C-alpha atoms as a PDB file:
ATOM      1  CA  MET A   1      90.369  94.188  88.622  1.00  0.00           C
ATOM      2  CA  ALA A   2      93.882  94.802  89.887  1.00  0.00           C
ATOM      3  CA  ALA A   3      94.206  98.068  91.776  1.00  0.00           C
ATOM      4  CA  LEU A   4      96.130  99.899  94.448  1.00  0.00           C
ATOM      5  CA  ALA A   5      94.128 100.070  97.669  1.00  0.00           C
ATOM      6  CA  ILE A   6      94.690 103.025 100.000  1.00  0.00           C
ATOM      7  CA  ILE A   7      93.720 102.124 103.570  1.00  0.00           C
ATOM      8  CA  THR A   8      93.097 104.905 106.072  1.00  0.00           C
ATOM      9  CA  ALA A   9      92.056 104.371 109.671  1.00  0.00           C
ATOM     10  CA  MET A  10      90.147 107.540 110.555  1.00  0.00           C
ATOM     11  CA  GLU A  11      87.444 109.499 108.771  1.00  0.00           C
ATOM     12  CA  SER A  12      89.574 112.652 108.807  1.00  0.00           C
ATOM     13  CA  GLU A  13      92.346 110.804 106.957  1.00  0.00           C
ATOM     14  CA  TYR A  14      89.830 109.281 104.558  1.00  0.00           C
ATOM     15  CA  ASN A  15      88.188 112.642 103.841  1.00  0.00           C
ATOM     16  CA  ALA A  16      91.497 114.348 103.059  1.00  0.00           C
ATOM     17  CA  VAL A  17      92.276 111.836 100.292  1.00  0.00           C
ATOM     18  CA  ASN A  18      88.685 111.641  99.064  1.00  0.00           C
ATOM     19  CA  LYS A  19      88.437 115.430  98.789  1.00  0.00           C
ATOM     20  CA  MET A  20      91.522 115.592  96.578  1.00  0.00           C
ATOM     21  CA  TYR A  21      90.356 113.019  94.041  1.00  0.00           C
ATOM     22  CA  GLY A  22      86.568 112.801  94.290  1.00  0.00           C
ATOM     23  CA  PHE A  23      86.220 109.025  94.231  1.00  0.00           C
ATOM     24  CA  ASP A  24      83.332 107.279  92.470  1.00  0.00           C
ATOM     25  CA  GLU A  25      81.298 105.739  95.273  1.00  0.00           C
ATOM     26  CA  ASP A  26      79.683 102.993  93.154  1.00  0.00           C
ATOM     27  CA  GLY A  27      80.910  99.429  93.727  1.00  0.00           C
ATOM     28  CA  ASP A  28      82.572  97.641  96.631  1.00  0.00           C
ATOM     29  CA  PHE A  29      85.079 100.446  97.250  1.00  0.00           C
ATOM     30  CA  PRO A  30      85.214 104.137  96.303  1.00  0.00           C
ATOM     31  CA  HIS A  31      87.432 104.137  93.219  1.00  0.00           C
ATOM     32  CA  ILE A  32      89.039 106.354  90.616  1.00  0.00           C
ATOM     33  CA  LYS A  33      91.580 105.968  87.844  1.00  0.00           C
ATOM     34  CA  VAL A  34      94.470 108.312  88.502  1.00  0.00           C
ATOM     35  CA  HIS A  35      98.056 108.404  87.242  1.00  0.00           C
ATOM     36  CA  GLY A  36      97.287 105.408  85.054  1.00  0.00           C
ATOM     37  CA  LYS A  37      96.176 103.141  87.906  1.00  0.00           C
ATOM     38  CA  GLU A  38      92.878 102.055  89.386  1.00  0.00           C
ATOM     39  CA  VAL A  39      92.886 103.289  92.986  1.00  0.00           C
ATOM     40  CA  TRP A  40      90.516 102.190  95.737  1.00  0.00           C
ATOM     41  CA  LEU A  41      89.922 104.035  99.005  1.00  0.00           C
ATOM     42  CA  VAL A  42      89.235 101.956 102.115  1.00  0.00           C
ATOM     43  CA  LYS A  43      88.396 103.236 105.609  1.00  0.00           C
ATOM     44  CA  SER A  44      89.372 100.543 108.100  1.00  0.00           C
ATOM     45  CA  GLY A  45      88.809 102.020 111.540  1.00  0.00           C
ATOM     46  CA  ILE A  46      91.546 102.331 114.160  1.00  0.00           C
ATOM     47  CA  GLY A  47      93.698  99.442 115.331  1.00  0.00           C
ATOM     48  CA  LYS A  48      95.282  96.212 114.205  1.00  0.00           C
ATOM     49  CA  VAL A  49      92.147  94.065 113.879  1.00  0.00           C
ATOM     50  CA  ASN A  50      90.264  96.670 111.846  1.00  0.00           C
ATOM     51  CA  ALA A  51      93.310  97.204 109.644  1.00  0.00           C
ATOM     52  CA  ALA A  52      93.837  93.492 109.008  1.00  0.00           C
ATOM     53  CA  ILE A  53      90.167  92.976 108.086  1.00  0.00           C
ATOM     54  CA  ALA A  54      90.265  95.906 105.666  1.00  0.00           C
ATOM     55  CA  ALA A  55      93.488  94.650 104.085  1.00  0.00           C
ATOM     56  CA  GLN A  56      92.065  91.151 103.677  1.00  0.00           C
ATOM     57  CA  LYS A  57      88.952  92.529 101.980  1.00  0.00           C
ATOM     58  CA  ALA A  58      91.146  94.515  99.593  1.00  0.00           C
ATOM     59  CA  CYS A  59      93.300  91.453  98.864  1.00  0.00           C
ATOM     60  CA  ASP A  60      90.210  89.305  98.261  1.00  0.00           C
ATOM     61  CA  ALA A  61      88.902  91.925  95.826  1.00  0.00           C
ATOM     62  CA  GLY A  62      92.159  91.751  93.855  1.00  0.00           C
ATOM     63  CA  ALA A  63      94.183  94.749  94.982  1.00  0.00           C
ATOM     64  CA  GLU A  64      97.747  94.347  93.718  1.00  0.00           C
ATOM     65  CA  ILE A  65      99.305  96.835  96.168  1.00  0.00           C
ATOM     66  CA  ILE A  66      98.065  97.860  99.623  1.00  0.00           C
ATOM     67  CA  MET A  67      99.087 101.279 100.940  1.00  0.00           C
ATOM     68  CA  SER A  68      98.622 102.065 104.623  1.00  0.00           C
ATOM     69  CA  THR A  69      98.472 105.815 105.073  1.00  0.00           C
ATOM     70  CA  GLY A  70      97.429 108.472 107.555  1.00  0.00           C
ATOM     71  CA  LEU A  71      98.826 109.668 110.855  1.00  0.00           C
ATOM     72  CA  ALA A  72     101.682 108.391 112.980  1.00  0.00           C
ATOM     73  CA  GLY A  73     103.389 109.520 116.132  1.00  0.00           C
ATOM     74  CA  GLY A  74     107.034 110.453 115.896  1.00  0.00           C
ATOM     75  CA  ILE A  75     109.266 108.556 118.325  1.00  0.00           C
ATOM     76  CA  ASP A  76     112.623 109.868 117.166  1.00  0.00           C
ATOM     77  CA  SER A  77     114.084 113.247 118.088  1.00  0.00           C
ATOM     78  CA  SER A  78     114.881 113.949 114.436  1.00  0.00           C
ATOM     79  CA  LEU A  79     111.163 114.200 113.576  1.00  0.00           C
ATOM     80  CA  SER A  80     108.764 117.128 113.743  1.00  0.00           C
ATOM     81  CA  GLN A  81     105.045 117.487 113.138  1.00  0.00           C
ATOM     82  CA  GLY A  82     104.339 117.306 109.408  1.00  0.00           C
ATOM     83  CA  ASP A  83     107.332 115.112 108.519  1.00  0.00           C
ATOM     84  CA  ILE A  84     106.590 112.126 106.282  1.00  0.00           C
ATOM     85  CA  VAL A  85     107.852 108.626 107.005  1.00  0.00           C
ATOM     86  CA  LEU A  86     107.978 105.965 104.295  1.00  0.00           C
ATOM     87  CA  ALA A  87     108.621 102.662 106.025  1.00  0.00           C
ATOM     88  CA  GLU A  88     111.510 100.496 104.878  1.00  0.00           C
ATOM     89  CA  LYS A  89     110.197  97.888 107.305  1.00  0.00           C
ATOM     90  CA  VAL A  90     107.475  97.553 109.933  1.00  0.00           C
ATOM     91  CA  CYS A  91     106.918  95.440 113.030  1.00  0.00           C
ATOM     92  CA  TYR A  92     104.836  95.294 116.203  1.00  0.00           C
ATOM     93  CA  HIS A  93     105.997  96.943 119.412  1.00  0.00           C
ATOM     94  CA  ASP A  94     103.349  95.318 121.626  1.00  0.00           C
ATOM     95  CA  VAL A  95     103.690  91.614 120.742  1.00  0.00           C
ATOM     96  CA  TRP A  96     105.512  89.026 122.829  1.00  0.00           C
ATOM     97  CA  CYS A  97     105.050  85.300 122.137  1.00  0.00           C
ATOM     98  CA  GLY A  98     107.797  84.066 124.453  1.00  0.00           C
ATOM     99  CA  GLU A  99     111.166  82.502 123.707  1.00  0.00           C
ATOM    100  CA  PRO A 100     112.654  81.870 121.207  1.00  0.00           C
ATOM    101  CA  ASN A 101     110.671  84.611 119.449  1.00  0.00           C
ATOM    102  CA  ALA A 102     112.015  88.145 119.353  1.00  0.00           C
ATOM    103  CA  LYS A 103     110.140  90.995 120.988  1.00  0.00           C
ATOM    104  CA  GLY A 104     107.538  92.126 118.455  1.00  0.00           C
ATOM    105  CA  GLN A 105     107.515  88.843 116.541  1.00  0.00           C
ATOM    106  CA  VAL A 106     104.327  86.870 116.005  1.00  0.00           C
ATOM    107  CA  GLN A 107     105.305  83.214 116.284  1.00  0.00           C
ATOM    108  CA  ASP A 108     105.976  81.608 112.888  1.00  0.00           C
ATOM    109  CA  MET A 109     106.062  85.036 111.259  1.00  0.00           C
ATOM    110  CA  PRO A 110     109.089  87.229 110.465  1.00  0.00           C
ATOM    111  CA  LEU A 111     109.898  89.939 112.989  1.00  0.00           C
ATOM    112  CA  TYR A 112     109.967  92.600 110.278  1.00  0.00           C
ATOM    113  CA  PHE A 113     107.750  92.949 107.228  1.00  0.00           C
ATOM    114  CA  ALA A 114     109.378  94.920 104.430  1.00  0.00           C
ATOM    115  CA  PRO A 115     107.916  96.589 101.344  1.00  0.00           C
ATOM    116  CA  ARG A 116     109.597  95.693  98.094  1.00  0.00           C
ATOM    117  CA  ALA A 117     112.876  97.575  98.073  1.00  0.00           C
ATOM    118  CA  GLU A 118     112.548  98.609  94.437  1.00  0.00           C
ATOM    119  CA  MET A 119     109.220 100.331  95.169  1.00  0.00           C
ATOM    120  CA  VAL A 120     110.683 102.302  98.059  1.00  0.00           C
ATOM    121  CA  GLU A 121     113.734 103.231  95.989  1.00  0.00           C
ATOM    122  CA  ARG A 122     111.573 104.372  93.075  1.00  0.00           C
ATOM    123  CA  ILE A 123     109.453 106.562  95.335  1.00  0.00           C
ATOM    124  CA  VAL A 124     112.429 108.160  97.100  1.00  0.00           C
ATOM    125  CA  ALA A 125     114.199 108.817  93.793  1.00  0.00           C
ATOM    126  CA  ALA A 126     111.127 110.491  92.294  1.00  0.00           C
ATOM    127  CA  LEU A 127     110.343 112.789  95.241  1.00  0.00           C
ATOM    128  CA  PRO A 128     112.053 116.066  96.124  1.00  0.00           C
ATOM    129  CA  GLU A 129     115.160 115.631  98.236  1.00  0.00           C
ATOM    130  CA  ASN A 130     114.368 115.114 101.929  1.00  0.00           C
ATOM    131  CA  TYR A 131     110.610 114.999 101.217  1.00  0.00           C
ATOM    132  CA  VAL A 132     110.347 111.682 103.069  1.00  0.00           C
ATOM    133  CA  LYS A 133     112.308 109.977 105.800  1.00  0.00           C
ATOM    134  CA  THR A 134     112.741 106.221 105.468  1.00  0.00           C
ATOM    135  CA  GLY A 135     113.148 103.762 108.290  1.00  0.00           C
ATOM    136  CA  LEU A 136     111.286 101.575 110.769  1.00  0.00           C
ATOM    137  CA  THR A 137     107.635 102.091 111.719  1.00  0.00           C
ATOM    138  CA  VAL A 138     106.332 100.131 114.716  1.00  0.00           C
ATOM    139  CA  THR A 139     102.696  99.269 115.351  1.00  0.00           C
ATOM    140  CA  GLY A 140     100.638  98.654 118.472  1.00  0.00           C
ATOM    141  CA  ASP A 141      97.125  99.127 119.818  1.00  0.00           C
ATOM    142  CA  GLN A 142      98.088 102.115 121.933  1.00  0.00           C
ATOM    143  CA  PHE A 143      98.013 105.888 121.556  1.00  0.00           C
ATOM    144  CA  LEU A 144     101.376 106.732 123.088  1.00  0.00           C
ATOM    145  CA  THR A 145     101.689 109.675 125.451  1.00  0.00           C
ATOM    146  CA  ASN A 146     103.706 108.092 128.247  1.00  0.00           C
ATOM    147  CA  ALA A 147     107.394 108.985 128.157  1.00  0.00           C
ATOM    148  CA  ARG A 148     108.368 105.823 130.047  1.00  0.00           C
ATOM    149  CA  ARG A 149     106.581 103.626 127.498  1.00  0.00           C
ATOM    150  CA  LEU A 150     108.349 105.527 124.715  1.00  0.00           C
ATOM    151  CA  GLN A 151     111.706 104.860 126.352  1.00  0.00           C
ATOM    152  CA  THR A 152     110.906 101.136 126.480  1.00  0.00           C
ATOM    153  CA  ILE A 153     109.977 101.034 122.792  1.00  0.00           C
ATOM    154  CA  LYS A 154     113.091 102.974 121.792  1.00  0.00           C
ATOM    155  CA  LYS A 155     115.250 100.604 123.844  1.00  0.00           C
ATOM    156  CA  GLU A 156     113.687  97.570 122.167  1.00  0.00           C
ATOM    157  CA  PHE A 157     113.574  99.159 118.685  1.00  0.00           C
ATOM    158  CA  PRO A 158     116.290 101.853 118.576  1.00  0.00           C
ATOM    159  CA  ALA A 159     115.848 102.411 114.839  1.00  0.00           C
ATOM    160  CA  ALA A 160     112.123 103.181 115.091  1.00  0.00           C
ATOM    161  CA  LEU A 161     111.085 106.529 113.628  1.00  0.00           C
ATOM    162  CA  ALA A 162     107.311 106.353 113.856  1.00  0.00           C
ATOM    163  CA  VAL A 163     104.563 104.514 115.693  1.00  0.00           C
ATOM    164  CA  ASP A 164     101.068 103.799 114.404  1.00  0.00           C
ATOM    165  CA  MET A 165      98.188 101.404 115.052  1.00  0.00           C
ATOM    166  CA  GLU A 166      97.756  99.719 111.660  1.00  0.00           C
ATOM    167  CA  SER A 167     100.794  99.330 109.390  1.00  0.00           C
ATOM    168  CA  ALA A 168     102.258  96.050 110.695  1.00  0.00           C
ATOM    169  CA  ALA A 169      98.838  94.384 110.720  1.00  0.00           C
ATOM    170  CA  ILE A 170      98.307  95.387 107.091  1.00  0.00           C
ATOM    171  CA  ALA A 171     101.811  94.191 106.227  1.00  0.00           C
ATOM    172  CA  GLN A 172     101.250  90.838 107.941  1.00  0.00           C
ATOM    173  CA  THR A 173      97.977  90.385 106.055  1.00  0.00           C
ATOM    174  CA  CYS A 174      99.762  91.091 102.784  1.00  0.00           C
ATOM    175  CA  PHE A 175     102.496  88.618 103.739  1.00  0.00           C
ATOM    176  CA  LEU A 176      99.874  85.931 104.325  1.00  0.00           C
ATOM    177  CA  ASN A 177      98.312  86.704 100.935  1.00  0.00           C
ATOM    178  CA  GLU A 178     101.209  85.452  98.836  1.00  0.00           C
ATOM    179  CA  ARG A 179     103.415  88.328 100.015  1.00  0.00           C
ATOM    180  CA  ARG A 180     101.261  90.974  98.363  1.00  0.00           C
ATOM    181  CA  PRO A 181     103.216  94.244  97.994  1.00  0.00           C
ATOM    182  CA  PHE A 182     102.463  96.897 100.596  1.00  0.00           C
ATOM    183  CA  LEU A 183     103.566 100.388 101.529  1.00  0.00           C
ATOM    184  CA  SER A 184     103.362 102.321 104.784  1.00  0.00           C
ATOM    185  CA  LEU A 185     103.259 106.083 104.241  1.00  0.00           C
ATOM    186  CA  ARG A 186     102.632 108.202 107.322  1.00  0.00           C
ATOM    187  CA  ILE A 187     102.611 111.867 108.233  1.00  0.00           C
ATOM    188  CA  ILE A 188     103.784 112.756 111.739  1.00  0.00           C
ATOM    189  CA  SER A 189     100.942 114.290 113.717  1.00  0.00           C
ATOM    190  CA  ASP A 190     102.807 114.675 117.012  1.00  0.00           C
ATOM    191  CA  VAL A 191     106.105 113.653 118.564  1.00  0.00           C
ATOM    192  CA  VAL A 192     105.766 111.360 121.569  1.00  0.00           C
ATOM    193  CA  GLY A 193     107.186 112.771 124.771  1.00  0.00           C
ATOM    194  CA  LYS A 194     107.442 116.390 123.604  1.00  0.00           C
ATOM    195  CA  PRO A 195     105.772 119.058 125.758  1.00  0.00           C
ATOM    196  CA  HIS A 196     102.121 119.693 124.800  1.00  0.00           C
ATOM    197  CA  GLN A 197     102.003 116.544 122.678  1.00  0.00           C
ATOM    198  CA  GLU A 198      98.238 116.006 123.001  1.00  0.00           C
ATOM    199  CA  GLU A 199      97.505 119.657 122.159  1.00  0.00           C
ATOM    200  CA  GLU A 200      99.811 119.367 119.137  1.00  0.00           C
ATOM    201  CA  TYR A 201      97.899 116.287 118.005  1.00  0.00           C
ATOM    202  CA  ARG A 202      94.501 118.005 118.361  1.00  0.00           C
ATOM    203  CA  ARG A 203      95.683 120.980 116.290  1.00  0.00           C
ATOM    204  CA  PHE A 204      97.129 118.756 113.584  1.00  0.00           C
ATOM    205  CA  TRP A 205      94.079 118.503 111.337  1.00  0.00           C
ATOM    206  CA  GLN A 206      93.557 122.255 111.525  1.00  0.00           C
ATOM    207  CA  ASN A 207      97.086 122.873 110.316  1.00  0.00           C
ATOM    208  CA  VAL A 208      98.114 120.374 107.656  1.00  0.00           C
ATOM    209  CA  PRO A 209      95.299 118.134 106.343  1.00  0.00           C
ATOM    210  CA  GLU A 210      96.165 118.914 102.738  1.00  0.00           C
ATOM    211  CA  LYS A 211      99.730 117.661 103.143  1.00  0.00           C
ATOM    212  CA  SER A 212      98.449 114.230 104.148  1.00  0.00           C
ATOM    213  CA  ALA A 213      96.551 113.903 100.868  1.00  0.00           C
ATOM    214  CA  LEU A 214      99.311 115.509  98.805  1.00  0.00           C
ATOM    215  CA  MET A 215     101.872 112.954  99.980  1.00  0.00           C
ATOM    216  CA  VAL A 216      99.605 110.168  98.701  1.00  0.00           C
ATOM    217  CA  ASP A 217      99.320 111.851  95.301  1.00  0.00           C
ATOM    218  CA  MET A 218     103.074 112.318  95.044  1.00  0.00           C
ATOM    219  CA  VAL A 219     103.682 108.656  95.815  1.00  0.00           C
ATOM    220  CA  LEU A 220     101.100 107.549  93.242  1.00  0.00           C
ATOM    221  CA  ARG A 221     102.855 109.741  90.677  1.00  0.00           C
ATOM    222  CA  ALA A 222     106.202 108.220  91.607  1.00  0.00           C
ATOM    223  CA  LEU A 223     104.872 104.677  91.251  1.00  0.00           C
ATOM    224  CA  ALA A 224     103.502 105.607  87.818  1.00  0.00           C
ATOM    225  CA  GLY A 225     106.865 107.014  86.785  1.00  0.00           C
ATOM    226  CA  GLU A 226     105.489 110.520  86.251  1.00  0.00           C
END
């Protein structure tokens, strides 16, 4: 059955969405019909390999859209904790395959993977003004706290707003599955390089867990045209 699969990396992210909807646990994936669409909930585990495996399982099961959601680090001074980033494109920040490939490009793959523009436009148009920020999300198998590493990433990808550990791997998997549509929807848990970043990250789930789930619901409503 065609469905939208929501992939979260961590149990805290998974629980926030599950608590809001109360998914039916029978079957291959927890599932529910909401806003006129069958929705599956998938917990991948952290990192690119876990994310790609989860996305492939969802594709094999027939998911028509894959949504990567959960936390991201902010790597742009315009962002604050709790901001929401809807990716217009994603890429890796920790891949280098040598010339003539670009930094971040897996050989024989595009540098950037982009959601379908009409989906992003529909979501932005349906949400309250300034509810989301759109731009580039970069992915790597690192939790970033080092200011020097941040400076390197910003130099290589000046347009990057957010950094996570899953979105580009999910996007690449979708690309390899007949360019299956995907979305990357992330809430900023901390801003890399700001004072007390790690403390801010630890406090995050005490402060705004509901907003993480609410953003998913608002996007599902927008996709349904509600």
